[in-house]
Structures are given as C-alpha cells and as structure tokens.
Amino acid sequence: MSKIVMTFADKGDFAALYAAERWCADNGYSVGSGCAGMPRGLLRGEWVIAKWRNLTGQERADLDGQMTGDFRNGPVTVTVKE
C-alpha cells in the first residue's frame, strides 16, 4: 500500500500544525484530538476521532493516516494511505 507524506515547516507558534490541519481539511480528512507527545489520527470524511491514547490497537490500524511532529514549532508530517 502506498502512502502520501506531506511535511509542513511553516514558521511561528503552531503555524506548521495549522497548515497541516488546513491540508487535511482541504483533502477531506478529519483530524483527531491532540494528546501531548502522541500522533493525531486521520480519517477520510467527517469523523470525531479520539485522542491517540484512547484509541485501541484496532482503531489505530483502521485510521487512514496520522499527523506527527512538533505541533508547536514544526515541522509537522501528515502520512495518509492512498
């Protein structure tokens, strides 16, 4: 299975995070709730996604992707399944 990997390195507090969230919204992905030091889950479509720590192993496996990185200072990486 191939993946799309996008890296956002916008400068400023949370700028890379906001850019990554915009990309996700523009491309039809919902973004999970933030949980310090952990990824944020991504699902195609409109979903409410729990914090990473509250997702089961199966729920994590069922995600369409994840957002990782330094959410405050960047860079932030979005990885989604094609």
PDB file of N, CA and C in Angstrom:
ATOM      1  N   MET A   1       0.846  -1.178   0.000  1.00  0.00           N
ATOM      2  CA  MET A   1       0.000   0.000   0.000  1.00  0.00           C
ATOM      3  C   MET A   1       0.891   1.240   0.000  1.00  0.00           C
ATOM      4  N   SER A   2       0.615   2.151  -0.896  1.00  0.00           N
ATOM      5  CA  SER A   2       1.431   3.362  -0.960  1.00  0.00           C
ATOM      6  C   SER A   2       0.886   4.426  -0.013  1.00  0.00           C
ATOM      7  N   LYS A   3       1.735   5.391   0.268  1.00  0.00           N
ATOM      8  CA  LYS A   3       1.387   6.456   1.203  1.00  0.00           C
ATOM      9  C   LYS A   3       1.679   7.810   0.590  1.00  0.00           C
ATOM     10  N   ILE A   4       0.943   8.794   1.053  1.00  0.00           N
ATOM     11  CA  ILE A   4       1.240  10.191   0.755  1.00  0.00           C
ATOM     12  C   ILE A   4       1.859  10.761   2.022  1.00  0.00           C
ATOM     13  N   VAL A   5       3.008  11.397   1.891  1.00  0.00           N
ATOM     14  CA  VAL A   5       3.676  12.010   3.040  1.00  0.00           C
ATOM     15  C   VAL A   5       3.881  13.486   2.727  1.00  0.00           C
ATOM     16  N   MET A   6       3.316  14.329   3.566  1.00  0.00           N
ATOM     17  CA  MET A   6       3.445  15.781   3.416  1.00  0.00           C
ATOM     18  C   MET A   6       4.102  16.317   4.688  1.00  0.00           C
ATOM     19  N   THR A   7       5.092  17.192   4.520  1.00  0.00           N
ATOM     20  CA  THR A   7       5.745  17.805   5.676  1.00  0.00           C
ATOM     21  C   THR A   7       5.529  19.309   5.619  1.00  0.00           C
ATOM     22  N   PHE A   8       5.122  19.861   6.742  1.00  0.00           N
ATOM     23  CA  PHE A   8       4.834  21.290   6.859  1.00  0.00           C
ATOM     24  C   PHE A   8       5.833  21.899   7.835  1.00  0.00           C
ATOM     25  N   ALA A   9       6.550  22.918   7.382  1.00  0.00           N
ATOM     26  CA  ALA A   9       7.597  23.531   8.198  1.00  0.00           C
ATOM     27  C   ALA A   9       7.374  25.031   8.350  1.00  0.00           C
ATOM     28  N   ASP A  10       6.132  25.464   8.320  1.00  0.00           N
ATOM     29  CA  ASP A  10       5.816  26.885   8.466  1.00  0.00           C
ATOM     30  C   ASP A  10       6.389  27.402   9.786  1.00  0.00           C
ATOM     31  N   LYS A  11       6.853  28.629   9.776  1.00  0.00           N
ATOM     32  CA  LYS A  11       7.484  29.230  10.955  1.00  0.00           C
ATOM     33  C   LYS A  11       6.457  29.954  11.816  1.00  0.00           C
ATOM     34  N   GLY A  12       6.661  29.902  13.127  1.00  0.00           N
ATOM     35  CA  GLY A  12       5.779  30.564  14.079  1.00  0.00           C
ATOM     36  C   GLY A  12       5.057  29.540  14.936  1.00  0.00           C
ATOM     37  N   ASP A  13       4.591  29.990  16.095  1.00  0.00           N
ATOM     38  CA  ASP A  13       3.887  29.087  17.005  1.00  0.00           C
ATOM     39  C   ASP A  13       2.692  28.448  16.316  1.00  0.00           C
ATOM     40  N   PHE A  14       2.691  27.144  16.254  1.00  0.00           N
ATOM     41  CA  PHE A  14       1.610  26.323  15.710  1.00  0.00           C
ATOM     42  C   PHE A  14       1.356  26.525  14.215  1.00  0.00           C
ATOM     43  N   ALA A  15       2.195  27.283  13.521  1.00  0.00           N
ATOM     44  CA  ALA A  15       1.968  27.558  12.094  1.00  0.00           C
ATOM     45  C   ALA A  15       2.005  26.282  11.256  1.00  0.00           C
ATOM     46  N   ALA A  16       2.958  25.404  11.525  1.00  0.00           N
ATOM     47  CA  ALA A  16       3.046  24.149  10.768  1.00  0.00           C
ATOM     48  C   ALA A  16       1.829  23.270  11.061  1.00  0.00           C
ATOM     49  N   LEU A  17       1.397  23.246  12.306  1.00  0.00           N
ATOM     50  CA  LEU A  17       0.210  22.475  12.677  1.00  0.00           C
ATOM     51  C   LEU A  17      -1.015  23.000  11.941  1.00  0.00           C
ATOM     52  N   TYR A  18      -1.196  24.311  11.942  1.00  0.00           N
ATOM     53  CA  TYR A  18      -2.361  24.890  11.266  1.00  0.00           C
ATOM     54  C   TYR A  18      -2.325  24.608   9.766  1.00  0.00           C
ATOM     55  N   ALA A  19      -1.142  24.662   9.173  1.00  0.00           N
ATOM     56  CA  ALA A  19      -1.016  24.359   7.743  1.00  0.00           C
ATOM     57  C   ALA A  19      -1.365  22.893   7.474  1.00  0.00           C
ATOM     58  N   ALA A  20      -0.918  22.003   8.338  1.00  0.00           N
ATOM     59  CA  ALA A  20      -1.226  20.577   8.185  1.00  0.00           C
ATOM     60  C   ALA A  20      -2.727  20.332   8.352  1.00  0.00           C
ATOM     61  N   GLU A  21      -3.336  20.988   9.322  1.00  0.00           N
ATOM     62  CA  GLU A  21      -4.784  20.845   9.521  1.00  0.00           C
ATOM     63  C   GLU A  21      -5.554  21.366   8.311  1.00  0.00           C
ATOM     64  N   ARG A  22      -5.102  22.482   7.731  1.00  0.00           N
ATOM     65  CA  ARG A  22      -5.752  23.014   6.526  1.00  0.00           C
ATOM     66  C   ARG A  22      -5.646  22.030   5.371  1.00  0.00           C
ATOM     67  N   TRP A  23      -4.450  21.438   5.191  1.00  0.00           N
ATOM     68  CA  TRP A  23      -4.263  20.468   4.124  1.00  0.00           C
ATOM     69  C   TRP A  23      -5.221  19.291   4.319  1.00  0.00           C
ATOM     70  N   CYS A  24      -5.328  18.823   5.555  1.00  0.00           N
ATOM     71  CA  CYS A  24      -6.232  17.701   5.838  1.00  0.00           C
ATOM     72  C   CYS A  24      -7.673  18.077   5.502  1.00  0.00           C
ATOM     73  N   ALA A  25      -8.116  19.230   5.945  1.00  0.00           N
ATOM     74  CA  ALA A  25      -9.490  19.668   5.673  1.00  0.00           C
ATOM     75  C   ALA A  25      -9.725  19.821   4.169  1.00  0.00           C
ATOM     76  N   ASP A  26      -8.775  20.428   3.475  1.00  0.00           N
ATOM     77  CA  ASP A  26      -8.904  20.637   2.027  1.00  0.00           C
ATOM     78  C   ASP A  26      -8.938  19.326   1.252  1.00  0.00           C
ATOM     79  N   ASN A  27      -8.369  18.281   1.836  1.00  0.00           N
ATOM     80  CA  ASN A  27      -8.300  16.990   1.165  1.00  0.00           C
ATOM     81  C   ASN A  27      -9.253  15.953   1.755  1.00  0.00           C
ATOM     82  N   GLY A  28     -10.183  16.416   2.583  1.00  0.00           N
ATOM     83  CA  GLY A  28     -11.250  15.548   3.064  1.00  0.00           C
ATOM     84  C   GLY A  28     -10.919  14.652   4.242  1.00  0.00           C
ATOM     85  N   TYR A  29      -9.942  15.040   5.055  1.00  0.00           N
ATOM     86  CA  TYR A  29      -9.576  14.236   6.222  1.00  0.00           C
ATOM     87  C   TYR A  29      -9.988  14.924   7.513  1.00  0.00           C
ATOM     88  N   SER A  30     -10.523  14.143   8.431  1.00  0.00           N
ATOM     89  CA  SER A  30     -10.777  14.617   9.787  1.00  0.00           C
ATOM     90  C   SER A  30      -9.526  14.360  10.611  1.00  0.00           C
ATOM     91  N   VAL A  31      -9.266  15.253  11.563  1.00  0.00           N
ATOM     92  CA  VAL A  31      -8.066  15.160  12.399  1.00  0.00           C
ATOM     93  C   VAL A  31      -8.485  14.875  13.834  1.00  0.00           C
ATOM     94  N   GLY A  32      -7.830  13.901  14.444  1.00  0.00           N
ATOM     95  CA  GLY A  32      -8.136  13.529  15.819  1.00  0.00           C
ATOM     96  C   GLY A  32      -7.712  14.583  16.826  1.00  0.00           C
ATOM     97  N   SER A  33      -8.228  14.434  18.016  1.00  0.00           N
ATOM     98  CA  SER A  33      -7.887  15.333  19.117  1.00  0.00           C
ATOM     99  C   SER A  33      -6.410  15.218  19.457  1.00  0.00           C
ATOM    100  N   GLY A  34      -5.848  16.317  19.930  1.00  0.00           N
ATOM    101  CA  GLY A  34      -4.445  16.329  20.306  1.00  0.00           C
ATOM    102  C   GLY A  34      -4.210  15.674  21.652  1.00  0.00           C
ATOM    103  N   CYS A  35      -3.064  15.041  21.780  1.00  0.00           N
ATOM    104  CA  CYS A  35      -2.646  14.395  23.019  1.00  0.00           C
ATOM    105  C   CYS A  35      -1.131  14.574  23.092  1.00  0.00           C
ATOM    106  N   ALA A  36      -0.665  15.309  24.074  1.00  0.00           N
ATOM    107  CA  ALA A  36       0.745  15.710  24.154  1.00  0.00           C
ATOM    108  C   ALA A  36       1.709  14.561  23.878  1.00  0.00           C
ATOM    109  N   GLY A  37       2.607  14.799  22.926  1.00  0.00           N
ATOM    110  CA  GLY A  37       3.651  13.835  22.628  1.00  0.00           C
ATOM    111  C   GLY A  37       3.212  12.631  21.821  1.00  0.00           C
ATOM    112  N   MET A  38       1.976  12.644  21.333  1.00  0.00           N
ATOM    113  CA  MET A  38       1.461  11.499  20.582  1.00  0.00           C
ATOM    114  C   MET A  38       0.910  11.955  19.238  1.00  0.00           C
ATOM    115  N   PRO A  39       0.822  11.026  18.278  1.00  0.00           N
ATOM    116  CA  PRO A  39       0.259  11.383  16.973  1.00  0.00           C
ATOM    117  C   PRO A  39      -1.215  11.761  17.079  1.00  0.00           C
ATOM    118  N   ARG A  40      -1.722  12.341  16.000  1.00  0.00           N
ATOM    119  CA  ARG A  40      -3.155  12.605  15.859  1.00  0.00           C
ATOM    120  C   ARG A  40      -3.650  11.742  14.709  1.00  0.00           C
ATOM    121  N   GLY A  41      -4.735  11.021  14.936  1.00  0.00           N
ATOM    122  CA  GLY A  41      -5.274  10.138  13.917  1.00  0.00           C
ATOM    123  C   GLY A  41      -5.989  10.904  12.816  1.00  0.00           C
ATOM    124  N   LEU A  42      -6.003  10.321  11.612  1.00  0.00           N
ATOM    125  CA  LEU A  42      -6.673  10.910  10.455  1.00  0.00           C
ATOM    126  C   LEU A  42      -7.622   9.891   9.840  1.00  0.00           C
ATOM    127  N   LEU A  43      -8.818  10.344   9.506  1.00  0.00           N
ATOM    128  CA  LEU A  43      -9.797   9.521   8.799  1.00  0.00           C
ATOM    129  C   LEU A  43     -10.402  10.337   7.671  1.00  0.00           C
ATOM    130  N   ARG A  44     -10.580   9.703   6.522  1.00  0.00           N
ATOM    131  CA  ARG A  44     -11.229  10.378   5.394  1.00  0.00           C
ATOM    132  C   ARG A  44     -12.713  10.517   5.716  1.00  0.00           C
ATOM    133  N   GLY A  45     -13.235  11.724   5.501  1.00  0.00           N
ATOM    134  CA  GLY A  45     -14.638  12.008   5.789  1.00  0.00           C
ATOM    135  C   GLY A  45     -14.771  12.809   7.073  1.00  0.00           C
ATOM    136  N   GLU A  46     -16.015  13.010   7.468  1.00  0.00           N
ATOM    137  CA  GLU A  46     -16.283  13.785   8.681  1.00  0.00           C
ATOM    138  C   GLU A  46     -16.455  12.847   9.865  1.00  0.00           C
ATOM    139  N   TRP A  47     -15.485  12.870  10.748  1.00  0.00           N
ATOM    140  CA  TRP A  47     -15.463  12.000  11.916  1.00  0.00           C
ATOM    141  C   TRP A  47     -14.995  12.776  13.132  1.00  0.00           C
ATOM    142  N   VAL A  48     -15.381  12.295  14.292  1.00  0.00           N
ATOM    143  CA  VAL A  48     -14.807  12.763  15.548  1.00  0.00           C
ATOM    144  C   VAL A  48     -13.874  11.643  15.993  1.00  0.00           C
ATOM    145  N   ILE A  49     -12.593  11.967  16.127  1.00  0.00           N
ATOM    146  CA  ILE A  49     -11.577  10.955  16.424  1.00  0.00           C
ATOM    147  C   ILE A  49     -11.015  11.222  17.819  1.00  0.00           C
ATOM    148  N   ALA A  50     -10.973  10.192  18.626  1.00  0.00           N
ATOM    149  CA  ALA A  50     -10.473  10.313  19.996  1.00  0.00           C
ATOM    150  C   ALA A  50      -8.974  10.593  20.014  1.00  0.00           C
ATOM    151  N   LYS A  51      -8.499  10.990  21.182  1.00  0.00           N
ATOM    152  CA  LYS A  51      -7.062  11.148  21.382  1.00  0.00           C
ATOM    153  C   LYS A  51      -6.374   9.810  21.139  1.00  0.00           C
ATOM    154  N   TRP A  52      -5.124   9.881  20.694  1.00  0.00           N
ATOM    155  CA  TRP A  52      -4.354   8.684  20.373  1.00  0.00           C
ATOM    156  C   TRP A  52      -4.357   7.683  21.528  1.00  0.00           C
ATOM    157  N   ARG A  53      -4.161   8.169  22.743  1.00  0.00           N
ATOM    158  CA  ARG A  53      -4.065   7.258  23.894  1.00  0.00           C
ATOM    159  C   ARG A  53      -5.373   6.524  24.168  1.00  0.00           C
ATOM    160  N   ASN A  54      -6.484   7.060  23.670  1.00  0.00           N
ATOM    161  CA  ASN A  54      -7.782   6.425  23.898  1.00  0.00           C
ATOM    162  C   ASN A  54      -8.220   5.519  22.751  1.00  0.00           C
ATOM    163  N   LEU A  55      -7.415   5.423  21.704  1.00  0.00           N
ATOM    164  CA  LEU A  55      -7.738   4.537  20.587  1.00  0.00           C
ATOM    165  C   LEU A  55      -7.185   3.140  20.867  1.00  0.00           C
ATOM    166  N   THR A  56      -7.964   2.131  20.525  1.00  0.00           N
ATOM    167  CA  THR A  56      -7.474   0.756  20.658  1.00  0.00           C
ATOM    168  C   THR A  56      -6.491   0.470  19.527  1.00  0.00           C
ATOM    169  N   GLY A  57      -5.792  -0.623  19.634  1.00  0.00           N
ATOM    170  CA  GLY A  57      -4.881  -1.024  18.566  1.00  0.00           C
ATOM    171  C   GLY A  57      -5.607  -1.197  17.243  1.00  0.00           C
ATOM    172  N   GLN A  58      -6.804  -1.766  17.290  1.00  0.00           N
ATOM    173  CA  GLN A  58      -7.585  -1.960  16.065  1.00  0.00           C
ATOM    174  C   GLN A  58      -8.029  -0.625  15.479  1.00  0.00           C
ATOM    175  N   GLU A  59      -8.452   0.299  16.334  1.00  0.00           N
ATOM    176  CA  GLU A  59      -8.861   1.624  15.851  1.00  0.00           C
ATOM    177  C   GLU A  59      -7.681   2.354  15.213  1.00  0.00           C
ATOM    178  N   ARG A  60      -6.512   2.229  15.796  1.00  0.00           N
ATOM    179  CA  ARG A  60      -5.316   2.850  15.205  1.00  0.00           C
ATOM    180  C   ARG A  60      -5.018   2.242  13.841  1.00  0.00           C
ATOM    181  N   ALA A  61      -5.154   0.926  13.742  1.00  0.00           N
ATOM    182  CA  ALA A  61      -4.895   0.243  12.469  1.00  0.00           C
ATOM    183  C   ALA A  61      -5.907   0.651  11.399  1.00  0.00           C
ATOM    184  N   ASP A  62      -7.118   0.990  11.810  1.00  0.00           N
ATOM    185  CA  ASP A  62      -8.178   1.360  10.872  1.00  0.00           C
ATOM    186  C   ASP A  62      -8.087   2.811  10.393  1.00  0.00           C
ATOM    187  N   LEU A  63      -7.231   3.608  11.008  1.00  0.00           N
ATOM    188  CA  LEU A  63      -7.084   5.007  10.589  1.00  0.00           C
ATOM    189  C   LEU A  63      -6.549   5.087   9.165  1.00  0.00           C
ATOM    190  N   ASP A  64      -6.876   6.176   8.492  1.00  0.00           N
ATOM    191  CA  ASP A  64      -6.354   6.416   7.146  1.00  0.00           C
ATOM    192  C   ASP A  64      -4.979   7.066   7.182  1.00  0.00           C
ATOM    193  N   GLY A  65      -4.549   7.510   8.351  1.00  0.00           N
ATOM    194  CA  GLY A  65      -3.235   8.124   8.462  1.00  0.00           C
ATOM    195  C   GLY A  65      -3.029   8.731   9.830  1.00  0.00           C
ATOM    196  N   GLN A  66      -1.928   9.468   9.938  1.00  0.00           N
ATOM    197  CA  GLN A  66      -1.631  10.134  11.203  1.00  0.00           C
ATOM    198  C   GLN A  66      -0.814  11.395  10.968  1.00  0.00           C
ATOM    199  N   MET A  67      -0.888  12.273  11.950  1.00  0.00           N
ATOM    200  CA  MET A  67      -0.132  13.524  11.947  1.00  0.00           C
ATOM    201  C   MET A  67       0.866  13.437  13.097  1.00  0.00           C
ATOM    202  N   THR A  68       2.128  13.718  12.803  1.00  0.00           N
ATOM    203  CA  THR A  68       3.177  13.624  13.809  1.00  0.00           C
ATOM    204  C   THR A  68       4.077  14.852  13.739  1.00  0.00           C
ATOM    205  N   GLY A  69       4.909  15.015  14.742  1.00  0.00           N
ATOM    206  CA  GLY A  69       5.895  16.087  14.724  1.00  0.00           C
ATOM    207  C   GLY A  69       5.791  16.983  15.937  1.00  0.00           C
ATOM    208  N   ASP A  70       6.450  18.117  15.833  1.00  0.00           N
ATOM    209  CA  ASP A  70       6.429  19.129  16.886  1.00  0.00           C
ATOM    210  C   ASP A  70       5.288  20.088  16.560  1.00  0.00           C
ATOM    211  N   PHE A  71       4.169  19.888  17.211  1.00  0.00           N
ATOM    212  CA  PHE A  71       2.977  20.651  16.860  1.00  0.00           C
ATOM    213  C   PHE A  71       3.108  22.137  17.178  1.00  0.00           C
ATOM    214  N   ARG A  72       3.948  22.504  18.105  1.00  0.00           N
ATOM    215  CA  ARG A  72       4.129  23.925  18.421  1.00  0.00           C
ATOM    216  C   ARG A  72       5.091  24.607  17.443  1.00  0.00           C
ATOM    217  N   ASN A  73       6.244  24.001  17.212  1.00  0.00           N
ATOM    218  CA  ASN A  73       7.303  24.662  16.445  1.00  0.00           C
ATOM    219  C   ASN A  73       7.530  24.097  15.050  1.00  0.00           C
ATOM    220  N   GLY A  74       6.911  22.959  14.732  1.00  0.00           N
ATOM    221  CA  GLY A  74       7.131  22.318  13.446  1.00  0.00           C
ATOM    222  C   GLY A  74       8.461  21.593  13.423  1.00  0.00           C
ATOM    223  N   PRO A  75       8.736  20.831  12.413  1.00  0.00           N
ATOM    224  CA  PRO A  75       7.812  20.514  11.331  1.00  0.00           C
ATOM    225  C   PRO A  75       6.755  19.500  11.766  1.00  0.00           C
ATOM    226  N   VAL A  76       5.677  19.462  10.998  1.00  0.00           N
ATOM    227  CA  VAL A  76       4.585  18.510  11.212  1.00  0.00           C
ATOM    228  C   VAL A  76       4.463  17.674   9.945  1.00  0.00           C
ATOM    229  N   THR A  77       4.354  16.366  10.118  1.00  0.00           N
ATOM    230  CA  THR A  77       4.247  15.457   8.982  1.00  0.00           C
ATOM    231  C   THR A  77       2.884  14.780   8.982  1.00  0.00           C
ATOM    232  N   VAL A  78       2.259  14.788   7.821  1.00  0.00           N
ATOM    233  CA  VAL A  78       0.992  14.090   7.608  1.00  0.00           C
ATOM    234  C   VAL A  78       1.291  12.899   6.708  1.00  0.00           C
ATOM    235  N   THR A  79       0.916  11.714   7.165  1.00  0.00           N
ATOM    236  CA  THR A  79       1.089  10.492   6.387  1.00  0.00           C
ATOM    237  C   THR A  79      -0.275   9.843   6.232  1.00  0.00           C
ATOM    238  N   VAL A  80      -0.710   9.653   4.984  1.00  0.00           N
ATOM    239  CA  VAL A  80      -2.012   9.022   4.732  1.00  0.00           C
ATOM    240  C   VAL A  80      -1.864   7.899   3.721  1.00  0.00           C
ATOM    241  N   LYS A  81      -2.723   6.896   3.862  1.00  0.00           N
ATOM    242  CA  LYS A  81      -2.763   5.783   2.919  1.00  0.00           C
ATOM    243  C   LYS A  81      -3.432   6.252   1.635  1.00  0.00           C
ATOM    244  N   GLU A  82      -2.943   5.758   0.506  1.00  0.00           N
ATOM    245  CA  GLU A  82      -3.579   6.087  -0.778  1.00  0.00           C
ATOM    246  C   GLU A  82      -4.655   5.079  -1.085  1.00  0.00           C
TER     247      GLU A  82
END
